């Protein structure tokens, strides 16, 4: 995730190829899974947002690690497309379809289309993480524990996000760390001061409050990145091992990330 779960608008079009139609049916089926009722017991709602352009094995490793650490489902939420320019890489529909393929059959990993649906309802309007959290709060209630899962590299720039202080209070943050990354030393002083005293001693602590806490998710160092996948495809280098097999098949069939369409983008 870059500057938020999604600072983009959406352009979902209809594709004529049968593969896309089949995957859209899968997407609809996956997204029907209900958000558990927070009134039944303290239940942490864990959202992992990003462009996922494309979804790769590193993304999945983070999602699985969070699922296992908290013992709750992780809802992967793709960002919509930029509202005023053509999306680099894959468009929102394609990224959503690849994500659905990547998590097919994965227990505890769910597709969440809140951002895409909001962008459809408000075309051309930029979307921010604080908007998503407010929307989820309206659905879940003020007392429901809610957390955003973000990478440590994104967290270093968290104080540049829209209403970041309000976001700190409205939801928990789960920071996915990679061994040896040294992100703690790179935190801006303003952000370091704002999060001091908010770090939870255990993941279970996050289920006891609606928001306001942080927890560091430690995980093995992995080298995959979306920009690496795109660059390897554009250069004609080996890349398929970096993504799930079904995603690799989709990329080949759709001709995504060829040199003529490659553009820098964080992933």
C-alpha atoms as a PDB file:
ATOM      1  CA  UNK A   1       0.000   0.000   0.000  1.00  0.00           C
ATOM      2  CA  UNK A   2       1.352   3.423  -0.848  1.00  0.00           C
ATOM      3  CA  UNK A   3      -0.220   6.639   0.469  1.00  0.00           C
ATOM      4  CA  UNK A   4      -3.315   4.829   1.639  1.00  0.00           C
ATOM      5  CA  UNK A   5      -5.511   1.863   1.022  1.00  0.00           C
ATOM      6  CA  UNK A   6      -6.529   3.703  -2.096  1.00  0.00           C
ATOM      7  CA  UNK A   7      -6.110   7.262  -3.316  1.00  0.00           C
ATOM      8  CA  UNK A   8      -7.664   6.389  -6.638  1.00  0.00           C
ATOM      9  CA  UNK A   9     -10.903   6.467  -8.585  1.00  0.00           C
ATOM     10  CA  UNK A  10     -12.203   3.438 -10.504  1.00  0.00           C
ATOM     11  CA  UNK A  11     -12.573   2.403 -14.104  1.00  0.00           C
ATOM     12  CA  UNK A  12     -14.026  -1.100 -14.257  1.00  0.00           C
ATOM     13  CA  UNK A  13     -14.941  -2.020 -17.791  1.00  0.00           C
ATOM     14  CA  UNK A  14     -16.489  -5.071 -19.376  1.00  0.00           C
ATOM     15  CA  UNK A  15     -14.104  -7.430 -21.067  1.00  0.00           C
ATOM     16  CA  UNK A  16     -15.143  -9.713 -23.865  1.00  0.00           C
ATOM     17  CA  UNK A  17     -12.774 -12.564 -23.085  1.00  0.00           C
ATOM     18  CA  UNK A  18     -14.278 -15.643 -21.372  1.00  0.00           C
ATOM     19  CA  UNK A  19     -11.465 -15.847 -18.834  1.00  0.00           C
ATOM     20  CA  UNK A  20     -12.290 -12.384 -17.475  1.00  0.00           C
ATOM     21  CA  UNK A  21     -15.993 -13.239 -17.308  1.00  0.00           C
ATOM     22  CA  UNK A  22     -15.280 -16.407 -15.343  1.00  0.00           C
ATOM     23  CA  UNK A  23     -13.035 -14.562 -12.919  1.00  0.00           C
ATOM     24  CA  UNK A  24     -15.601 -11.781 -12.422  1.00  0.00           C
ATOM     25  CA  UNK A  25     -18.037 -14.462 -11.304  1.00  0.00           C
ATOM     26  CA  UNK A  26     -15.416 -15.724  -8.840  1.00  0.00           C
ATOM     27  CA  UNK A  27     -14.826 -12.183  -7.576  1.00  0.00           C
ATOM     28  CA  UNK A  28     -18.523 -11.708  -6.909  1.00  0.00           C
ATOM     29  CA  UNK A  29     -18.666 -15.023  -5.075  1.00  0.00           C
ATOM     30  CA  UNK A  30     -15.613 -14.292  -2.936  1.00  0.00           C
ATOM     31  CA  UNK A  31     -16.811 -10.817  -1.988  1.00  0.00           C
ATOM     32  CA  UNK A  32     -20.164 -12.107  -0.740  1.00  0.00           C
ATOM     33  CA  UNK A  33     -18.539 -13.399   2.455  1.00  0.00           C
ATOM     34  CA  UNK A  34     -20.155 -11.338   5.229  1.00  0.00           C
ATOM     35  CA  UNK A  35     -18.249  -9.226   7.704  1.00  0.00           C
ATOM     36  CA  UNK A  36     -18.691 -11.046  11.040  1.00  0.00           C
ATOM     37  CA  UNK A  37     -21.002  -9.371  13.530  1.00  0.00           C
ATOM     38  CA  UNK A  38     -18.793  -7.482  16.000  1.00  0.00           C
ATOM     39  CA  UNK A  39     -21.510  -7.694  18.653  1.00  0.00           C
ATOM     40  CA  UNK A  40     -21.094 -11.478  18.974  1.00  0.00           C
ATOM     41  CA  UNK A  41     -17.617 -11.212  20.543  1.00  0.00           C
ATOM     42  CA  UNK A  42     -14.545  -8.991  20.283  1.00  0.00           C
ATOM     43  CA  UNK A  43     -13.502  -9.658  16.710  1.00  0.00           C
ATOM     44  CA  UNK A  44     -10.665  -7.857  14.998  1.00  0.00           C
ATOM     45  CA  UNK A  45     -11.505  -6.799  11.442  1.00  0.00           C
ATOM     46  CA  UNK A  46      -8.205  -6.824   9.575  1.00  0.00           C
ATOM     47  CA  UNK A  47      -7.917  -4.983   6.238  1.00  0.00           C
ATOM     48  CA  UNK A  48      -4.932  -5.283   3.899  1.00  0.00           C
ATOM     49  CA  UNK A  49      -5.171  -2.652   1.186  1.00  0.00           C
ATOM     50  CA  UNK A  50      -2.943  -1.925  -1.771  1.00  0.00           C
ATOM     51  CA  UNK A  51      -2.715  -1.544  -5.510  1.00  0.00           C
ATOM     52  CA  UNK A  52      -1.660  -5.208  -5.909  1.00  0.00           C
ATOM     53  CA  UNK A  53      -0.261  -4.456  -9.370  1.00  0.00           C
ATOM     54  CA  UNK A  54       0.158  -7.386  -9.543  1.00  0.00           C
ATOM     55  CA  UNK A  55      -0.529  -9.452  -6.436  1.00  0.00           C
ATOM     56  CA  UNK A  56       2.644 -11.445  -5.750  1.00  0.00           C
ATOM     57  CA  UNK A  57       3.962 -14.049  -3.322  1.00  0.00           C
ATOM     58  CA  UNK A  58       5.296 -11.384  -0.962  1.00  0.00           C
ATOM     59  CA  UNK A  59       1.813  -9.909  -0.559  1.00  0.00           C
ATOM     60  CA  UNK A  60       0.430 -13.353   0.190  1.00  0.00           C
ATOM     61  CA  UNK A  61       3.166 -14.064   2.744  1.00  0.00           C
ATOM     62  CA  UNK A  62       2.207 -10.897   4.643  1.00  0.00           C
ATOM     63  CA  UNK A  63      -1.501 -11.746   4.529  1.00  0.00           C
ATOM     64  CA  UNK A  64      -0.913 -15.304   5.734  1.00  0.00           C
ATOM     65  CA  UNK A  65       1.387 -14.167   8.535  1.00  0.00           C
ATOM     66  CA  UNK A  66      -1.223 -11.682   9.758  1.00  0.00           C
ATOM     67  CA  UNK A  67      -4.006 -14.257   9.528  1.00  0.00           C
ATOM     68  CA  UNK A  68      -1.988 -16.728  11.574  1.00  0.00           C
ATOM     69  CA  UNK A  69      -0.812 -14.171  14.150  1.00  0.00           C
ATOM     70  CA  UNK A  70      -4.291 -12.793  14.866  1.00  0.00           C
ATOM     71  CA  UNK A  71      -6.386 -15.875  14.143  1.00  0.00           C
ATOM     72  CA  UNK A  72      -8.847 -13.847  12.057  1.00  0.00           C
ATOM     73  CA  UNK A  73      -9.530 -13.517   8.324  1.00  0.00           C
ATOM     74  CA  UNK A  74      -7.577 -10.924   6.368  1.00  0.00           C
ATOM     75  CA  UNK A  75      -9.629  -8.925   3.875  1.00  0.00           C
ATOM     76  CA  UNK A  76      -7.506  -7.874   0.895  1.00  0.00           C
ATOM     77  CA  UNK A  77      -8.813  -4.610  -0.528  1.00  0.00           C
ATOM     78  CA  UNK A  78      -7.564  -3.496  -3.959  1.00  0.00           C
ATOM     79  CA  UNK A  79      -7.336   0.232  -4.642  1.00  0.00           C
ATOM     80  CA  UNK A  80      -9.223   1.757  -7.540  1.00  0.00           C
ATOM     81  CA  UNK A  81      -7.663   3.428 -10.571  1.00  0.00           C
ATOM     82  CA  UNK A  82      -6.439   7.053 -10.635  1.00  0.00           C
ATOM     83  CA  UNK A  83      -9.476   9.183 -11.557  1.00  0.00           C
ATOM     84  CA  UNK A  84      -7.878  11.557 -14.058  1.00  0.00           C
ATOM     85  CA  UNK A  85      -5.392   9.442 -15.969  1.00  0.00           C
ATOM     86  CA  UNK A  86      -5.001   5.961 -17.386  1.00  0.00           C
ATOM     87  CA  UNK A  87      -3.942   3.420 -14.807  1.00  0.00           C
ATOM     88  CA  UNK A  88      -0.344   2.257 -15.177  1.00  0.00           C
ATOM     89  CA  UNK A  89       0.118  -1.486 -15.252  1.00  0.00           C
ATOM     90  CA  UNK A  90      -3.192  -3.318 -14.870  1.00  0.00           C
ATOM     91  CA  UNK A  91      -6.505  -1.558 -14.364  1.00  0.00           C
ATOM     92  CA  UNK A  92      -8.704  -2.028 -11.306  1.00  0.00           C
ATOM     93  CA  UNK A  93     -10.766  -4.819 -12.860  1.00  0.00           C
ATOM     94  CA  UNK A  94      -7.664  -6.786 -13.835  1.00  0.00           C
ATOM     95  CA  UNK A  95      -6.007  -6.293 -10.449  1.00  0.00           C
ATOM     96  CA  UNK A  96      -9.170  -7.404  -8.702  1.00  0.00           C
ATOM     97  CA  UNK A  97      -9.431 -10.496 -10.891  1.00  0.00           C
ATOM     98  CA  UNK A  98      -5.787 -11.419 -10.269  1.00  0.00           C
ATOM     99  CA  UNK A  99      -6.298 -11.012  -6.540  1.00  0.00           C
ATOM    100  CA  UNK A 100      -9.341 -13.296  -6.656  1.00  0.00           C
ATOM    101  CA  UNK A 101      -7.285 -15.942  -8.449  1.00  0.00           C
ATOM    102  CA  UNK A 102      -4.399 -15.596  -5.991  1.00  0.00           C
ATOM    103  CA  UNK A 103      -6.512 -16.240  -2.896  1.00  0.00           C
ATOM    104  CA  UNK A 104      -8.839 -18.848  -4.383  1.00  0.00           C
ATOM    105  CA  UNK A 105      -8.939 -21.747  -1.924  1.00  0.00           C
ATOM    106  CA  UNK A 106      -6.903 -19.865   0.720  1.00  0.00           C
ATOM    107  CA  UNK A 107      -8.628 -20.192   4.084  1.00  0.00           C
ATOM    108  CA  UNK A 108      -8.904 -16.872   5.879  1.00  0.00           C
ATOM    109  CA  UNK A 109      -7.952 -14.659   2.926  1.00  0.00           C
ATOM    110  CA  UNK A 110     -10.924 -12.749   1.508  1.00  0.00           C
ATOM    111  CA  UNK A 111     -11.443 -10.210  -1.247  1.00  0.00           C
ATOM    112  CA  UNK A 112     -12.988  -6.903  -0.182  1.00  0.00           C
ATOM    113  CA  UNK A 113     -14.246  -4.483  -2.843  1.00  0.00           C
ATOM    114  CA  UNK A 114     -15.223  -1.530  -0.652  1.00  0.00           C
ATOM    115  CA  UNK A 115     -12.894   0.881  -2.436  1.00  0.00           C
ATOM    116  CA  UNK A 116     -13.853  -0.294  -5.898  1.00  0.00           C
ATOM    117  CA  UNK A 117     -17.553  -0.069  -5.133  1.00  0.00           C
ATOM    118  CA  UNK A 118     -17.176   3.406  -3.635  1.00  0.00           C
ATOM    119  CA  UNK A 119     -15.278   4.569  -6.710  1.00  0.00           C
ATOM    120  CA  UNK A 120     -18.082   3.273  -8.938  1.00  0.00           C
ATOM    121  CA  UNK A 121     -20.592   5.243  -6.888  1.00  0.00           C
ATOM    122  CA  UNK A 122     -18.399   8.378  -6.930  1.00  0.00           C
ATOM    123  CA  UNK A 123     -16.557   8.353 -10.266  1.00  0.00           C
ATOM    124  CA  UNK A 124     -13.604  10.696 -10.527  1.00  0.00           C
ATOM    125  CA  UNK A 125     -13.432  11.338  -6.772  1.00  0.00           C
ATOM    126  CA  UNK A 126     -10.154  10.484  -5.051  1.00  0.00           C
ATOM    127  CA  UNK A 127     -10.374   7.865  -2.315  1.00  0.00           C
ATOM    128  CA  UNK A 128      -8.345   7.889   0.886  1.00  0.00           C
ATOM    129  CA  UNK A 129      -7.771   5.411   3.683  1.00  0.00           C
ATOM    130  CA  UNK A 130      -9.637   7.617   6.131  1.00  0.00           C
ATOM    131  CA  UNK A 131     -12.687   7.431   3.824  1.00  0.00           C
ATOM    132  CA  UNK A 132     -12.513   3.643   3.851  1.00  0.00           C
ATOM    133  CA  UNK A 133     -12.188   3.484   7.626  1.00  0.00           C
ATOM    134  CA  UNK A 134     -15.158   5.809   8.089  1.00  0.00           C
ATOM    135  CA  UNK A 135     -17.226   3.672   5.740  1.00  0.00           C
ATOM    136  CA  UNK A 136     -16.272   0.506   7.611  1.00  0.00           C
ATOM    137  CA  UNK A 137     -16.993   2.188  10.938  1.00  0.00           C
ATOM    138  CA  UNK A 138     -20.493   3.028   9.748  1.00  0.00           C
ATOM    139  CA  UNK A 139     -21.056  -0.643   8.900  1.00  0.00           C
ATOM    140  CA  UNK A 140     -19.370  -2.252  11.893  1.00  0.00           C
ATOM    141  CA  UNK A 141     -20.199   0.212  14.655  1.00  0.00           C
ATOM    142  CA  UNK A 142     -18.010   2.449  16.771  1.00  0.00           C
ATOM    143  CA  UNK A 143     -16.936  -0.319  19.165  1.00  0.00           C
ATOM    144  CA  UNK A 144     -15.719  -2.892  16.619  1.00  0.00           C
ATOM    145  CA  UNK A 145     -11.945  -3.499  16.642  1.00  0.00           C
ATOM    146  CA  UNK A 146     -10.611  -2.510  13.212  1.00  0.00           C
ATOM    147  CA  UNK A 147      -7.020  -2.673  11.932  1.00  0.00           C
ATOM    148  CA  UNK A 148      -5.176  -1.742   8.758  1.00  0.00           C
ATOM    149  CA  UNK A 149      -2.276  -3.947   7.682  1.00  0.00           C
ATOM    150  CA  UNK A 150       0.486  -1.939   6.006  1.00  0.00           C
ATOM    151  CA  UNK A 151       4.104  -2.504   5.076  1.00  0.00           C
ATOM    152  CA  UNK A 152       6.874  -0.886   7.091  1.00  0.00           C
ATOM    153  CA  UNK A 153       8.000   1.080   4.044  1.00  0.00           C
ATOM    154  CA  UNK A 154       4.531   2.632   3.785  1.00  0.00           C
ATOM    155  CA  UNK A 155       4.393   3.264   7.526  1.00  0.00           C
ATOM    156  CA  UNK A 156       7.532   5.422   7.349  1.00  0.00           C
ATOM    157  CA  UNK A 157       5.509   7.885   5.262  1.00  0.00           C
ATOM    158  CA  UNK A 158       2.280   7.498   7.228  1.00  0.00           C
ATOM    159  CA  UNK A 159       2.330  11.117   8.416  1.00  0.00           C
ATOM    160  CA  UNK A 160       1.785  12.200   4.790  1.00  0.00           C
ATOM    161  CA  UNK A 161      -1.567  10.366   4.567  1.00  0.00           C
ATOM    162  CA  UNK A 162      -4.856  12.267   4.613  1.00  0.00           C
ATOM    163  CA  UNK A 163      -5.950  12.939   8.240  1.00  0.00           C
ATOM    164  CA  UNK A 164      -3.306  10.536   9.518  1.00  0.00           C
ATOM    165  CA  UNK A 165      -3.796  11.489  13.158  1.00  0.00           C
ATOM    166  CA  UNK A 166      -7.505  10.800  12.883  1.00  0.00           C
ATOM    167  CA  UNK A 167      -6.681   7.499  11.214  1.00  0.00           C
ATOM    168  CA  UNK A 168      -4.444   6.527  14.140  1.00  0.00           C
ATOM    169  CA  UNK A 169      -7.383   6.953  16.505  1.00  0.00           C
ATOM    170  CA  UNK A 170     -10.036   5.421  14.244  1.00  0.00           C
ATOM    171  CA  UNK A 171      -8.236   2.109  13.609  1.00  0.00           C
ATOM    172  CA  UNK A 172      -5.296   0.025  14.739  1.00  0.00           C
ATOM    173  CA  UNK A 173      -2.233  -0.307  12.530  1.00  0.00           C
ATOM    174  CA  UNK A 174      -0.437  -3.600  11.955  1.00  0.00           C
ATOM    175  CA  UNK A 175       3.007  -2.830  10.548  1.00  0.00           C
ATOM    176  CA  UNK A 176       4.503  -5.686   8.533  1.00  0.00           C
ATOM    177  CA  UNK A 177       8.222  -5.577   9.247  1.00  0.00           C
ATOM    178  CA  UNK A 178      10.965  -7.352   7.362  1.00  0.00           C
ATOM    179  CA  UNK A 179      14.031  -8.414   9.319  1.00  0.00           C
ATOM    180  CA  UNK A 180      16.882  -5.963   8.899  1.00  0.00           C
ATOM    181  CA  UNK A 181      14.794  -3.285   7.198  1.00  0.00           C
ATOM    182  CA  UNK A 182      15.702  -0.643   9.786  1.00  0.00           C
ATOM    183  CA  UNK A 183      12.430   1.242   9.331  1.00  0.00           C
ATOM    184  CA  UNK A 184      12.347   2.327  12.989  1.00  0.00           C
ATOM    185  CA  UNK A 185      15.360   4.580  12.412  1.00  0.00           C
ATOM    186  CA  UNK A 186      13.711   6.127   9.353  1.00  0.00           C
ATOM    187  CA  UNK A 187      10.526   7.297  11.119  1.00  0.00           C
ATOM    188  CA  UNK A 188      10.005  11.073  10.942  1.00  0.00           C
ATOM    189  CA  UNK A 189      10.163  12.658  14.399  1.00  0.00           C
ATOM    190  CA  UNK A 190       6.539  13.798  14.138  1.00  0.00           C
ATOM    191  CA  UNK A 191       5.335  10.260  13.480  1.00  0.00           C
ATOM    192  CA  UNK A 192       7.611   8.649  16.074  1.00  0.00           C
ATOM    193  CA  UNK A 193       6.245  11.007  18.713  1.00  0.00           C
ATOM    194  CA  UNK A 194       2.635  10.377  17.689  1.00  0.00           C
ATOM    195  CA  UNK A 195       2.922   6.578  17.973  1.00  0.00           C
ATOM    196  CA  UNK A 196       5.020   6.485  21.145  1.00  0.00           C
ATOM    197  CA  UNK A 197       3.162   4.535  23.815  1.00  0.00           C
ATOM    198  CA  UNK A 198       0.715   3.043  21.315  1.00  0.00           C
ATOM    199  CA  UNK A 199       2.604  -0.188  20.570  1.00  0.00           C
ATOM    200  CA  UNK A 200       0.754  -3.267  21.821  1.00  0.00           C
ATOM    201  CA  UNK A 201       2.576  -6.063  23.628  1.00  0.00           C
ATOM    202  CA  UNK A 202       0.616  -8.779  21.816  1.00  0.00           C
ATOM    203  CA  UNK A 203      -1.680  -9.083  18.802  1.00  0.00           C
ATOM    204  CA  UNK A 204      -4.541 -10.081  21.101  1.00  0.00           C
ATOM    205  CA  UNK A 205      -4.528  -6.586  22.629  1.00  0.00           C
ATOM    206  CA  UNK A 206      -5.912  -5.123  19.414  1.00  0.00           C
ATOM    207  CA  UNK A 207      -9.184  -7.035  19.828  1.00  0.00           C
ATOM    208  CA  UNK A 208      -9.812  -5.205  23.106  1.00  0.00           C
ATOM    209  CA  UNK A 209     -10.224  -1.710  21.651  1.00  0.00           C
ATOM    210  CA  UNK A 210     -11.754  -0.178  18.505  1.00  0.00           C
ATOM    211  CA  UNK A 211      -8.506   1.462  17.406  1.00  0.00           C
ATOM    212  CA  UNK A 212      -5.521   3.519  18.459  1.00  0.00           C
ATOM    213  CA  UNK A 213      -2.905   0.775  18.900  1.00  0.00           C
ATOM    214  CA  UNK A 214      -0.052  -0.509  16.758  1.00  0.00           C
ATOM    215  CA  UNK A 215       1.545  -3.917  16.518  1.00  0.00           C
ATOM    216  CA  UNK A 216       4.607  -4.995  14.571  1.00  0.00           C
ATOM    217  CA  UNK A 217       4.181  -8.153  12.495  1.00  0.00           C
ATOM    218  CA  UNK A 218       7.616  -9.737  12.168  1.00  0.00           C
ATOM    219  CA  UNK A 219       8.123 -11.907   9.111  1.00  0.00           C
ATOM    220  CA  UNK A 220      10.950 -13.510   7.132  1.00  0.00           C
ATOM    221  CA  UNK A 221      12.694 -11.279   4.618  1.00  0.00           C
ATOM    222  CA  UNK A 222      11.292 -11.709   1.103  1.00  0.00           C
ATOM    223  CA  UNK A 223      12.528 -10.052  -2.059  1.00  0.00           C
ATOM    224  CA  UNK A 224       9.385  -9.923  -4.216  1.00  0.00           C
ATOM    225  CA  UNK A 225       7.885  -6.581  -5.164  1.00  0.00           C
ATOM    226  CA  UNK A 226       5.273  -5.570  -7.712  1.00  0.00           C
ATOM    227  CA  UNK A 227       7.734  -3.240  -9.424  1.00  0.00           C
ATOM    228  CA  UNK A 228      10.187  -6.139  -9.733  1.00  0.00           C
ATOM    229  CA  UNK A 229       7.521  -8.332 -11.360  1.00  0.00           C
ATOM    230  CA  UNK A 230       6.590  -5.610 -13.830  1.00  0.00           C
ATOM    231  CA  UNK A 231      10.216  -4.823 -14.656  1.00  0.00           C
ATOM    232  CA  UNK A 232      11.087  -8.477 -15.271  1.00  0.00           C
ATOM    233  CA  UNK A 233       8.108  -8.949 -17.569  1.00  0.00           C
ATOM    234  CA  UNK A 234       8.968  -5.795 -19.511  1.00  0.00           C
ATOM    235  CA  UNK A 235      12.593  -6.910 -19.863  1.00  0.00           C
ATOM    236  CA  UNK A 236      11.695 -10.457 -20.905  1.00  0.00           C
ATOM    237  CA  UNK A 237      13.357 -11.938 -17.804  1.00  0.00           C
ATOM    238  CA  UNK A 238      12.075 -14.821 -15.658  1.00  0.00           C
ATOM    239  CA  UNK A 239       9.237 -13.652 -13.410  1.00  0.00           C
ATOM    240  CA  UNK A 240       6.560 -16.349 -13.089  1.00  0.00           C
ATOM    241  CA  UNK A 241       7.950 -17.761  -9.825  1.00  0.00           C
ATOM    242  CA  UNK A 242       7.265 -14.425  -8.100  1.00  0.00           C
ATOM    243  CA  UNK A 243       3.478 -14.744  -8.402  1.00  0.00           C
ATOM    244  CA  UNK A 244       0.906 -17.536  -7.932  1.00  0.00           C
ATOM    245  CA  UNK A 245       0.617 -19.802 -10.973  1.00  0.00           C
ATOM    246  CA  UNK A 246      -2.955 -18.723 -11.715  1.00  0.00           C
ATOM    247  CA  UNK A 247      -1.871 -15.083 -11.677  1.00  0.00           C
ATOM    248  CA  UNK A 248       1.017 -15.847 -14.033  1.00  0.00           C
ATOM    249  CA  UNK A 249      -1.426 -17.493 -16.446  1.00  0.00           C
ATOM    250  CA  UNK A 250      -3.709 -14.455 -16.273  1.00  0.00           C
ATOM    251  CA  UNK A 251      -0.843 -12.024 -16.936  1.00  0.00           C
ATOM    252  CA  UNK A 252       0.262 -14.020 -19.978  1.00  0.00           C
ATOM    253  CA  UNK A 253      -3.273 -14.323 -21.357  1.00  0.00           C
ATOM    254  CA  UNK A 254      -3.972 -10.600 -20.924  1.00  0.00           C
ATOM    255  CA  UNK A 255      -0.548  -9.495 -22.140  1.00  0.00           C
ATOM    256  CA  UNK A 256      -0.024  -7.334 -19.059  1.00  0.00           C
ATOM    257  CA  UNK A 257       3.112  -5.348 -18.215  1.00  0.00           C
ATOM    258  CA  UNK A 258       4.725  -5.605 -21.650  1.00  0.00           C
ATOM    259  CA  UNK A 259       7.539  -3.137 -22.314  1.00  0.00           C
ATOM    260  CA  UNK A 260       5.279  -0.742 -24.209  1.00  0.00           C
ATOM    261  CA  UNK A 261       2.972  -0.405 -21.200  1.00  0.00           C
ATOM    262  CA  UNK A 262       5.451  -0.601 -18.331  1.00  0.00           C
ATOM    263  CA  UNK A 263       5.443   2.375 -15.975  1.00  0.00           C
ATOM    264  CA  UNK A 264       6.970   2.966 -12.519  1.00  0.00           C
ATOM    265  CA  UNK A 265       4.551   2.280  -9.710  1.00  0.00           C
ATOM    266  CA  UNK A 266       4.940   1.238  -6.099  1.00  0.00           C
ATOM    267  CA  UNK A 267       3.447  -2.121  -5.200  1.00  0.00           C
END
